[in-house]
N, C-alpha and C. Protein backbone atom coordinates (compact mmCIF):
# COMPACT_ATOMS: atom_id res chain seq x y z
N ILE A 1 14.95 2.99 16.27
CA ILE A 1 16.19 3.54 16.81
C ILE A 1 17.10 4.01 15.67
N ALA A 2 17.17 3.24 14.58
CA ALA A 2 18.04 3.60 13.46
C ALA A 2 17.66 4.96 12.87
N LEU A 3 16.38 5.28 12.84
CA LEU A 3 15.95 6.58 12.33
C LEU A 3 16.26 7.71 13.30
N SER A 4 15.93 7.50 14.55
CA SER A 4 16.10 8.58 15.53
C SER A 4 17.56 8.89 15.82
N THR A 5 18.47 7.96 15.55
CA THR A 5 19.90 8.21 15.77
C THR A 5 20.64 8.51 14.46
N ASN A 6 19.87 8.62 13.35
CA ASN A 6 20.43 8.89 12.02
C ASN A 6 21.36 7.81 11.52
N LEU A 7 21.23 6.59 12.05
CA LEU A 7 21.97 5.46 11.51
C LEU A 7 21.59 5.25 10.05
N ILE A 8 20.32 5.48 9.74
CA ILE A 8 19.88 5.58 8.35
C ILE A 8 19.32 6.98 8.17
N SER A 9 19.45 7.52 6.97
CA SER A 9 19.12 8.93 6.77
C SER A 9 17.63 9.21 6.73
N GLY A 10 16.83 8.23 6.38
CA GLY A 10 15.39 8.47 6.33
C GLY A 10 14.66 7.23 5.87
N ALA A 11 13.34 7.27 6.01
CA ALA A 11 12.51 6.15 5.58
C ALA A 11 11.11 6.65 5.26
N GLY A 12 10.53 6.03 4.26
CA GLY A 12 9.12 6.24 3.95
C GLY A 12 8.37 5.00 4.42
N ILE A 13 7.35 5.17 5.22
CA ILE A 13 6.65 4.04 5.84
C ILE A 13 5.15 4.17 5.57
N ASP A 14 4.54 3.06 5.10
CA ASP A 14 3.09 3.10 4.90
C ASP A 14 2.38 1.88 5.45
N VAL A 15 3.08 1.03 6.17
CA VAL A 15 2.46 -0.14 6.81
C VAL A 15 2.89 -0.12 8.28
N TYR A 16 1.91 -0.24 9.16
CA TYR A 16 2.17 -0.13 10.58
C TYR A 16 1.58 -1.35 11.31
N GLU A 17 2.11 -1.62 12.47
CA GLU A 17 1.60 -2.73 13.27
C GLU A 17 0.13 -2.50 13.61
N LYS A 18 -0.22 -1.25 13.91
CA LYS A 18 -1.60 -0.89 14.18
C LYS A 18 -1.96 0.26 13.25
N GLU A 19 -3.06 0.10 12.51
CA GLU A 19 -3.49 1.15 11.60
C GLU A 19 -4.90 1.58 11.96
N PRO A 20 -5.16 2.88 11.96
CA PRO A 20 -4.19 3.93 11.68
C PRO A 20 -3.17 4.06 12.81
N LEU A 21 -2.04 4.63 12.47
CA LEU A 21 -0.99 4.84 13.45
C LEU A 21 -1.53 5.73 14.57
N PRO A 22 -1.44 5.28 15.83
CA PRO A 22 -1.97 6.08 16.94
C PRO A 22 -1.39 7.49 16.97
N GLU A 23 -2.20 8.43 17.40
CA GLU A 23 -1.83 9.84 17.38
C GLU A 23 -0.54 10.15 18.12
N GLY A 24 -0.27 9.52 19.24
CA GLY A 24 0.93 9.81 20.01
C GLY A 24 2.11 8.90 19.72
N HIS A 25 2.01 8.08 18.67
CA HIS A 25 3.07 7.10 18.38
C HIS A 25 4.41 7.82 18.13
N LYS A 26 5.50 7.22 18.63
CA LYS A 26 6.81 7.87 18.54
C LYS A 26 7.27 8.10 17.10
N LEU A 27 6.83 7.29 16.16
CA LEU A 27 7.22 7.52 14.76
C LEU A 27 6.73 8.87 14.24
N ARG A 28 5.63 9.34 14.79
CA ARG A 28 5.09 10.63 14.35
C ARG A 28 6.02 11.80 14.68
N PHE A 29 6.99 11.58 15.53
CA PHE A 29 7.87 12.66 15.97
C PHE A 29 9.30 12.52 15.46
N VAL A 30 9.55 11.55 14.59
CA VAL A 30 10.88 11.35 14.03
C VAL A 30 11.00 12.22 12.78
N HIS A 31 11.96 13.14 12.78
CA HIS A 31 12.04 14.15 11.71
C HIS A 31 12.37 13.56 10.33
N ASN A 32 13.00 12.42 10.27
CA ASN A 32 13.42 11.86 8.98
C ASN A 32 12.57 10.67 8.54
N ALA A 33 11.34 10.60 9.05
CA ALA A 33 10.42 9.55 8.64
C ALA A 33 9.26 10.20 7.88
N LEU A 34 9.02 9.70 6.68
CA LEU A 34 7.88 10.14 5.89
C LEU A 34 6.78 9.11 6.11
N LEU A 35 5.72 9.51 6.79
CA LEU A 35 4.63 8.60 7.15
C LEU A 35 3.46 8.81 6.20
N LEU A 36 3.04 7.73 5.60
CA LEU A 36 1.95 7.77 4.65
C LEU A 36 0.88 6.77 5.04
N PRO A 37 -0.37 7.02 4.63
CA PRO A 37 -1.37 5.99 4.84
C PRO A 37 -1.05 4.80 3.94
N HIS A 38 -1.66 3.68 4.18
CA HIS A 38 -1.36 2.46 3.43
C HIS A 38 -1.89 2.59 2.01
N LEU A 39 -1.26 3.46 1.21
CA LEU A 39 -1.70 3.72 -0.16
C LEU A 39 -0.55 3.71 -1.14
N GLY A 40 0.54 3.05 -0.80
CA GLY A 40 1.72 3.08 -1.65
C GLY A 40 1.51 2.53 -3.04
N TYR A 41 0.49 1.73 -3.23
CA TYR A 41 0.22 1.12 -4.53
C TYR A 41 -0.59 2.04 -5.44
N VAL A 42 -1.11 3.15 -4.93
CA VAL A 42 -2.03 3.98 -5.70
C VAL A 42 -1.26 4.84 -6.70
N THR A 43 -1.32 4.40 -7.94
CA THR A 43 -0.75 5.17 -9.06
C THR A 43 -1.71 5.05 -10.23
N ALA A 44 -1.62 5.96 -11.17
CA ALA A 44 -2.47 5.89 -12.36
C ALA A 44 -2.24 4.58 -13.10
N GLU A 45 -0.98 4.16 -13.16
CA GLU A 45 -0.65 2.92 -13.86
C GLU A 45 -1.31 1.72 -13.20
N ASN A 46 -1.24 1.64 -11.87
CA ASN A 46 -1.85 0.52 -11.16
C ASN A 46 -3.37 0.52 -11.32
N TYR A 47 -3.99 1.69 -11.24
CA TYR A 47 -5.43 1.73 -11.41
C TYR A 47 -5.83 1.29 -12.81
N SER A 48 -5.05 1.65 -13.80
CA SER A 48 -5.32 1.21 -15.17
C SER A 48 -5.25 -0.31 -15.27
N ILE A 49 -4.24 -0.91 -14.67
CA ILE A 49 -4.10 -2.37 -14.66
C ILE A 49 -5.27 -3.00 -13.92
N PHE A 50 -5.59 -2.49 -12.71
CA PHE A 50 -6.68 -3.05 -11.92
C PHE A 50 -8.00 -2.96 -12.68
N TYR A 51 -8.25 -1.82 -13.31
CA TYR A 51 -9.51 -1.63 -14.04
C TYR A 51 -9.60 -2.62 -15.20
N ASN A 52 -8.55 -2.71 -15.99
CA ASN A 52 -8.57 -3.63 -17.13
C ASN A 52 -8.74 -5.08 -16.68
N GLN A 53 -8.08 -5.48 -15.61
CA GLN A 53 -8.23 -6.84 -15.10
C GLN A 53 -9.64 -7.07 -14.57
N MET A 54 -10.24 -6.07 -13.97
CA MET A 54 -11.60 -6.20 -13.48
C MET A 54 -12.56 -6.46 -14.64
N ILE A 55 -12.39 -5.71 -15.72
CA ILE A 55 -13.24 -5.90 -16.91
C ILE A 55 -13.03 -7.30 -17.48
N GLU A 56 -11.78 -7.72 -17.59
CA GLU A 56 -11.49 -9.08 -18.08
C GLU A 56 -12.14 -10.14 -17.19
N ASN A 57 -12.03 -9.96 -15.88
CA ASN A 57 -12.63 -10.91 -14.94
C ASN A 57 -14.15 -10.98 -15.09
N LEU A 58 -14.79 -9.82 -15.21
CA LEU A 58 -16.24 -9.79 -15.35
C LEU A 58 -16.69 -10.45 -16.65
N GLU A 59 -15.99 -10.14 -17.74
CA GLU A 59 -16.33 -10.76 -19.02
C GLU A 59 -16.13 -12.28 -18.98
N ALA A 60 -15.03 -12.71 -18.38
CA ALA A 60 -14.74 -14.15 -18.29
C ALA A 60 -15.80 -14.86 -17.45
N CYS A 61 -16.18 -14.28 -16.32
CA CYS A 61 -17.21 -14.91 -15.47
C CYS A 61 -18.56 -14.93 -16.17
N THR A 62 -18.89 -13.86 -16.87
CA THR A 62 -20.14 -13.81 -17.62
C THR A 62 -20.19 -14.90 -18.68
N ASN A 63 -19.03 -15.22 -19.25
CA ASN A 63 -18.94 -16.27 -20.27
C ASN A 63 -18.73 -17.66 -19.66
N GLY A 64 -18.77 -17.76 -18.33
CA GLY A 64 -18.62 -19.04 -17.67
C GLY A 64 -17.21 -19.60 -17.69
N LYS A 65 -16.22 -18.74 -17.91
CA LYS A 65 -14.83 -19.17 -17.96
C LYS A 65 -13.97 -18.25 -17.08
N PRO A 66 -14.16 -18.33 -15.76
CA PRO A 66 -13.43 -17.43 -14.87
C PRO A 66 -11.91 -17.59 -15.00
N ILE A 67 -11.22 -16.50 -14.85
CA ILE A 67 -9.75 -16.47 -14.87
C ILE A 67 -9.26 -15.93 -13.54
N ARG A 68 -7.96 -16.06 -13.31
CA ARG A 68 -7.36 -15.58 -12.05
C ARG A 68 -8.06 -16.17 -10.83
N GLU A 69 -8.32 -17.46 -10.88
CA GLU A 69 -8.98 -18.15 -9.77
C GLU A 69 -8.00 -18.43 -8.64
N ILE A 70 -8.46 -18.29 -7.43
CA ILE A 70 -7.67 -18.66 -6.26
C ILE A 70 -8.09 -20.07 -5.89
N LYS A 71 -7.12 -20.96 -5.89
CA LYS A 71 -7.43 -22.36 -5.60
C LYS A 71 -6.78 -22.79 -4.31
């Protein structure tokens, strides 16, 4: 409601209750909503970090000393 009545001037949204956002969903027709797929994290910087951490993780596991463990 805040978007459709211009209570707020606009919003960028990339997470939805149901994904992908259904074709007829009312958000698709709000002029001041920028709708994106759930890819807000995709940047060159993030991929560089993810890649380097992946290499570190593989090397650590290969050496029998895993890091970034979920306990």
